[in-house]
Structures are given as structure tokens and as C-alpha cells.
Amino acid sequence: MTRNAHCSCGSLRAEVTGEPAALGVCHCLDCQRRSGSAFGVGTFFPKEQVRTEGPSKVYERVADSGRRVTQHFCPNCGSTVFWYAEAFPQLVGISFGAFADPSMPWPPVSVWETTRHPWVTFDHKVNRFPGQPWLVEGPPAAPP
């Protein structure tokens, strides 16, 4: 399966093959600010399954874990399309919304629940974590 993600204006793109290695909702304050929403949803693919193209600007930040995250966003429209997280060097994070694809799998996990807005709820079973549980064993696999 091949999926395409892109920014609002279409200049910055990511093409992925296969299903995500991990997928989750993040309620940390940085993801709220990055997404401009109450939470961010990230998909994570092995680097060898991702091809990016187009101009990007880079913003590097330090996550609550203390590790660096390098975000790539479109210099024209400002949409963040993908990022590299020092905690997961083998993966590329791609903004779930950049796919604009209703066939994407549902997120099986919700992290940084300590800063989740209380009105955010889910209709499906979600494994909830107060912080970032993946730092030791890596992100969980996406459901089949």
C-alpha cells in the first residue's frame, strides 16, 4: 500500500509504503502547539518506507523527554508534514492529518494524558499513558 501526505499547499510531500510501525495521539503541550489543536496525532514509519520531496524549513525542539525532535514544515503554508525524533532514530514521524485519508488505522494509544483536555474522548479502545512510555522499549506496533 502506498499513501501520500502533504502540506496544505501541496509543496512538501511524503510518500509512504506499508502500514505505520506505530500510531498514536499525543496530548503534550508541544504537539498541541505544533498541530494548532487540542492534540497531535502522529504516524511513524521506518525510514526506508518514506520518501519526502519539496522544500521544507526545519524547527528543532527539545521534547519533554529531553530528546530532540526535528520538525519539517512547508515554507509556503506552514504545515508540519514530517519529523525526526532522536528517541526513535529508525522512524520518520508523519502528521496523521497530512494524509487526509479516512482509511488510515485508528490510533491505538494516547500519550501525555496528564495534559489531555478533559473534553477529549475516544469511541474506541485506546491504551492511555500519563507520559511517553515508548522511550525504553520503542513505540508499540500498529494494530493489524
C-alpha atoms as a PDB file:
ATOM      1  CA  MET A   1       0.000   0.000   0.000  1.00  0.00           C
ATOM      2  CA  THR A   2       1.240   3.495  -0.851  1.00  0.00           C
ATOM      3  CA  ARG A   3      -0.085   6.613   0.859  1.00  0.00           C
ATOM      4  CA  ASN A   4       0.692  10.263   0.260  1.00  0.00           C
ATOM      5  CA  ALA A   5       0.841  13.021   2.835  1.00  0.00           C
ATOM      6  CA  HIS A   6       1.306  16.680   2.007  1.00  0.00           C
ATOM      7  CA  CYS A   7       1.042  20.176   3.368  1.00  0.00           C
ATOM      8  CA  SER A   8      -1.903  22.499   2.725  1.00  0.00           C
ATOM      9  CA  CYS A   9      -0.440  23.926  -0.482  1.00  0.00           C
ATOM     10  CA  GLY A  10       0.990  20.600  -1.715  1.00  0.00           C
ATOM     11  CA  SER A  11       4.634  21.724  -1.939  1.00  0.00           C
ATOM     12  CA  LEU A  12       6.021  19.475   0.825  1.00  0.00           C
ATOM     13  CA  ARG A  13       5.142  15.808   0.426  1.00  0.00           C
ATOM     14  CA  ALA A  14       5.832  12.420   1.958  1.00  0.00           C
ATOM     15  CA  GLU A  15       5.093   9.136   0.235  1.00  0.00           C
ATOM     16  CA  VAL A  16       4.978   6.020   2.412  1.00  0.00           C
ATOM     17  CA  THR A  17       4.672   2.336   1.671  1.00  0.00           C
ATOM     18  CA  GLY A  18       3.087  -0.162   4.020  1.00  0.00           C
ATOM     19  CA  GLU A  19       1.295   0.425   7.266  1.00  0.00           C
ATOM     20  CA  PRO A  20       2.646   2.599  10.093  1.00  0.00           C
ATOM     21  CA  ALA A  21       5.017   0.922  12.552  1.00  0.00           C
ATOM     22  CA  ALA A  22       3.349   2.997  15.268  1.00  0.00           C
ATOM     23  CA  LEU A  23       0.462   5.416  15.555  1.00  0.00           C
ATOM     24  CA  GLY A  24      -0.736   7.475  18.475  1.00  0.00           C
ATOM     25  CA  VAL A  25      -2.445  10.534  19.857  1.00  0.00           C
ATOM     26  CA  CYS A  26      -0.197  12.878  21.824  1.00  0.00           C
ATOM     27  CA  HIS A  27      -1.554  15.464  24.237  1.00  0.00           C
ATOM     28  CA  CYS A  28       1.790  17.066  25.171  1.00  0.00           C
ATOM     29  CA  LEU A  29       1.851  20.843  25.017  1.00  0.00           C
ATOM     30  CA  ASP A  30       4.382  20.803  22.159  1.00  0.00           C
ATOM     31  CA  CYS A  31       2.090  18.658  19.981  1.00  0.00           C
ATOM     32  CA  GLN A  32      -0.824  20.911  20.824  1.00  0.00           C
ATOM     33  CA  ARG A  33       1.181  23.891  19.629  1.00  0.00           C
ATOM     34  CA  ARG A  34       2.611  22.058  16.589  1.00  0.00           C
ATOM     35  CA  SER A  35      -0.818  20.971  15.414  1.00  0.00           C
ATOM     36  CA  GLY A  36      -2.749  24.067  16.456  1.00  0.00           C
ATOM     37  CA  SER A  37      -5.264  21.702  18.027  1.00  0.00           C
ATOM     38  CA  ALA A  38      -6.035  20.059  21.373  1.00  0.00           C
ATOM     39  CA  PHE A  39      -3.683  17.163  20.490  1.00  0.00           C
ATOM     40  CA  GLY A  40      -1.461  15.845  17.739  1.00  0.00           C
ATOM     41  CA  VAL A  41      -1.743  12.501  16.004  1.00  0.00           C
ATOM     42  CA  GLY A  42       1.455  11.006  14.683  1.00  0.00           C
ATOM     43  CA  THR A  43       2.155   8.083  12.403  1.00  0.00           C
ATOM     44  CA  PHE A  44       5.611   6.532  12.436  1.00  0.00           C
ATOM     45  CA  PHE A  45       7.141   4.656   9.517  1.00  0.00           C
ATOM     46  CA  PRO A  46      10.558   3.014   9.105  1.00  0.00           C
ATOM     47  CA  LYS A  47      12.848   5.420   7.256  1.00  0.00           C
ATOM     48  CA  GLU A  48      13.253   3.033   4.340  1.00  0.00           C
ATOM     49  CA  GLN A  49       9.476   3.183   3.702  1.00  0.00           C
ATOM     50  CA  VAL A  50       9.374   7.003   3.408  1.00  0.00           C
ATOM     51  CA  ARG A  51      10.255   9.301   0.534  1.00  0.00           C
ATOM     52  CA  THR A  52       9.984  13.065   1.037  1.00  0.00           C
ATOM     53  CA  GLU A  53      10.144  15.821  -1.537  1.00  0.00           C
ATOM     54  CA  GLY A  54       9.729  19.548  -1.724  1.00  0.00           C
ATOM     55  CA  PRO A  55      11.127  22.489   0.169  1.00  0.00           C
ATOM     56  CA  SER A  56      10.987  22.492   3.943  1.00  0.00           C
ATOM     57  CA  LYS A  57      12.032  24.676   6.810  1.00  0.00           C
ATOM     58  CA  VAL A  58      13.279  22.986   9.949  1.00  0.00           C
ATOM     59  CA  TYR A  59      12.430  23.672  13.556  1.00  0.00           C
ATOM     60  CA  GLU A  60      14.316  21.735  16.199  1.00  0.00           C
ATOM     61  CA  ARG A  61      12.966  21.486  19.716  1.00  0.00           C
ATOM     62  CA  VAL A  62      13.648  19.551  22.879  1.00  0.00           C
ATOM     63  CA  ALA A  63      10.773  17.269  23.856  1.00  0.00           C
ATOM     64  CA  ASP A  64       9.564  16.721  27.406  1.00  0.00           C
ATOM     65  CA  SER A  65      11.698  13.559  27.349  1.00  0.00           C
ATOM     66  CA  GLY A  66      14.807  15.732  26.941  1.00  0.00           C
ATOM     67  CA  ARG A  67      15.470  14.400  23.435  1.00  0.00           C
ATOM     68  CA  ARG A  68      15.480  16.419  20.226  1.00  0.00           C
ATOM     69  CA  VAL A  69      12.708  16.475  17.621  1.00  0.00           C
ATOM     70  CA  THR A  70      13.424  17.980  14.191  1.00  0.00           C
ATOM     71  CA  GLN A  71      10.196  19.117  12.532  1.00  0.00           C
ATOM     72  CA  HIS A  72       9.959  19.805   8.794  1.00  0.00           C
ATOM     73  CA  PHE A  73       7.292  22.254   7.719  1.00  0.00           C
ATOM     74  CA  CYS A  74       6.366  23.929   4.463  1.00  0.00           C
ATOM     75  CA  PRO A  75       7.937  27.377   3.996  1.00  0.00           C
ATOM     76  CA  ASN A  76       4.883  28.445   1.945  1.00  0.00           C
ATOM     77  CA  CYS A  77       1.867  27.393   4.017  1.00  0.00           C
ATOM     78  CA  GLY A  78       3.485  26.468   7.352  1.00  0.00           C
ATOM     79  CA  SER A  79       2.053  22.940   7.678  1.00  0.00           C
ATOM     80  CA  THR A  80       4.233  20.457   9.549  1.00  0.00           C
ATOM     81  CA  VAL A  81       4.379  17.303   7.444  1.00  0.00           C
ATOM     82  CA  PHE A  82       7.095  15.141   9.000  1.00  0.00           C
ATOM     83  CA  TRP A  83       9.690  14.982  11.770  1.00  0.00           C
ATOM     84  CA  TYR A  84      12.630  13.017  13.090  1.00  0.00           C
ATOM     85  CA  ALA A  85      12.723  12.159  16.792  1.00  0.00           C
ATOM     86  CA  GLU A  86      16.040  11.440  18.473  1.00  0.00           C
ATOM     87  CA  ALA A  87      14.229   8.879  20.653  1.00  0.00           C
ATOM     88  CA  PHE A  88      13.308   6.806  17.561  1.00  0.00           C
ATOM     89  CA  PRO A  89      16.162   7.198  15.040  1.00  0.00           C
ATOM     90  CA  GLN A  90      14.895   4.385  12.783  1.00  0.00           C
ATOM     91  CA  LEU A  91      11.490   6.051  12.230  1.00  0.00           C
ATOM     92  CA  VAL A  92      10.038   9.098  10.488  1.00  0.00           C
ATOM     93  CA  GLY A  93       7.029  10.748  12.128  1.00  0.00           C
ATOM     94  CA  ILE A  94       4.350  11.998   9.753  1.00  0.00           C
ATOM     95  CA  SER A  95       1.383  14.135  10.734  1.00  0.00           C
ATOM     96  CA  PHE A  96      -1.730  11.967  10.598  1.00  0.00           C
ATOM     97  CA  GLY A  97      -3.797  14.835   9.183  1.00  0.00           C
ATOM     98  CA  ALA A  98      -1.355  15.366   6.302  1.00  0.00           C
ATOM     99  CA  PHE A  99      -2.661  12.108   4.821  1.00  0.00           C
ATOM    100  CA  ALA A 100      -6.291  13.341   4.822  1.00  0.00           C
ATOM    101  CA  ASP A 101      -7.172   9.677   4.390  1.00  0.00           C
ATOM    102  CA  PRO A 102     -10.210   8.206   6.179  1.00  0.00           C
ATOM    103  CA  SER A 103      -8.845   4.677   5.607  1.00  0.00           C
ATOM    104  CA  MET A 104      -5.911   5.266   7.974  1.00  0.00           C
ATOM    105  CA  PRO A 105      -5.968   2.989  11.034  1.00  0.00           C
ATOM    106  CA  TRP A 106      -7.342   4.363  14.290  1.00  0.00           C
ATOM    107  CA  PRO A 107      -4.779   5.361  16.924  1.00  0.00           C
ATOM    108  CA  PRO A 108      -4.355   2.556  19.492  1.00  0.00           C
ATOM    109  CA  VAL A 109      -2.547   4.695  22.093  1.00  0.00           C
ATOM    110  CA  SER A 110      -2.902   8.074  23.771  1.00  0.00           C
ATOM    111  CA  VAL A 111       0.197   9.559  25.441  1.00  0.00           C
ATOM    112  CA  TRP A 112       0.811  12.557  27.701  1.00  0.00           C
ATOM    113  CA  GLU A 113      -2.663  12.107  29.155  1.00  0.00           C
ATOM    114  CA  THR A 114      -1.596  14.380  32.031  1.00  0.00           C
ATOM    115  CA  THR A 115      -2.100  17.368  29.710  1.00  0.00           C
ATOM    116  CA  ARG A 116      -5.122  15.988  27.804  1.00  0.00           C
ATOM    117  CA  HIS A 117      -8.054  18.374  27.661  1.00  0.00           C
ATOM    118  CA  PRO A 118     -10.821  16.728  29.715  1.00  0.00           C
ATOM    119  CA  TRP A 119     -13.378  17.034  26.912  1.00  0.00           C
ATOM    120  CA  VAL A 120     -11.241  14.907  24.529  1.00  0.00           C
ATOM    121  CA  THR A 121     -12.710  11.388  24.418  1.00  0.00           C
ATOM    122  CA  PHE A 122     -12.495   8.411  22.058  1.00  0.00           C
ATOM    123  CA  ASP A 123     -15.155   5.994  20.772  1.00  0.00           C
ATOM    124  CA  HIS A 124     -12.719   3.102  20.529  1.00  0.00           C
ATOM    125  CA  LYS A 125     -10.398   1.282  22.931  1.00  0.00           C
ATOM    126  CA  VAL A 126      -7.266   3.332  23.497  1.00  0.00           C
ATOM    127  CA  ASN A 127      -4.316   2.432  25.708  1.00  0.00           C
ATOM    128  CA  ARG A 128      -3.677   5.521  27.833  1.00  0.00           C
ATOM    129  CA  PHE A 129      -0.359   6.652  29.302  1.00  0.00           C
ATOM    130  CA  PRO A 130       0.343   9.625  31.580  1.00  0.00           C
ATOM    131  CA  GLY A 131       3.615  10.374  29.736  1.00  0.00           C
ATOM    132  CA  GLN A 132       5.704   8.843  26.970  1.00  0.00           C
ATOM    133  CA  PRO A 133       6.020   5.086  27.639  1.00  0.00           C
ATOM    134  CA  TRP A 134       7.922   4.272  24.441  1.00  0.00           C
ATOM    135  CA  LEU A 135      11.298   5.648  25.451  1.00  0.00           C
ATOM    136  CA  VAL A 136      12.605   2.325  26.763  1.00  0.00           C
ATOM    137  CA  GLU A 137      11.084  -0.310  24.508  1.00  0.00           C
ATOM    138  CA  GLY A 138      10.179   1.757  21.443  1.00  0.00           C
ATOM    139  CA  PRO A 139       6.711   2.582  20.112  1.00  0.00           C
ATOM    140  CA  PRO A 140       4.092  -0.163  20.038  1.00  0.00           C
ATOM    141  CA  ALA A 141       3.175  -1.737  16.736  1.00  0.00           C
ATOM    142  CA  ALA A 142       0.077  -0.573  14.936  1.00  0.00           C
ATOM    143  CA  PRO A 143      -2.857  -2.968  15.189  1.00  0.00           C
ATOM    144  CA  PRO A 144      -3.292  -5.478  12.320  1.00  0.00           C
END
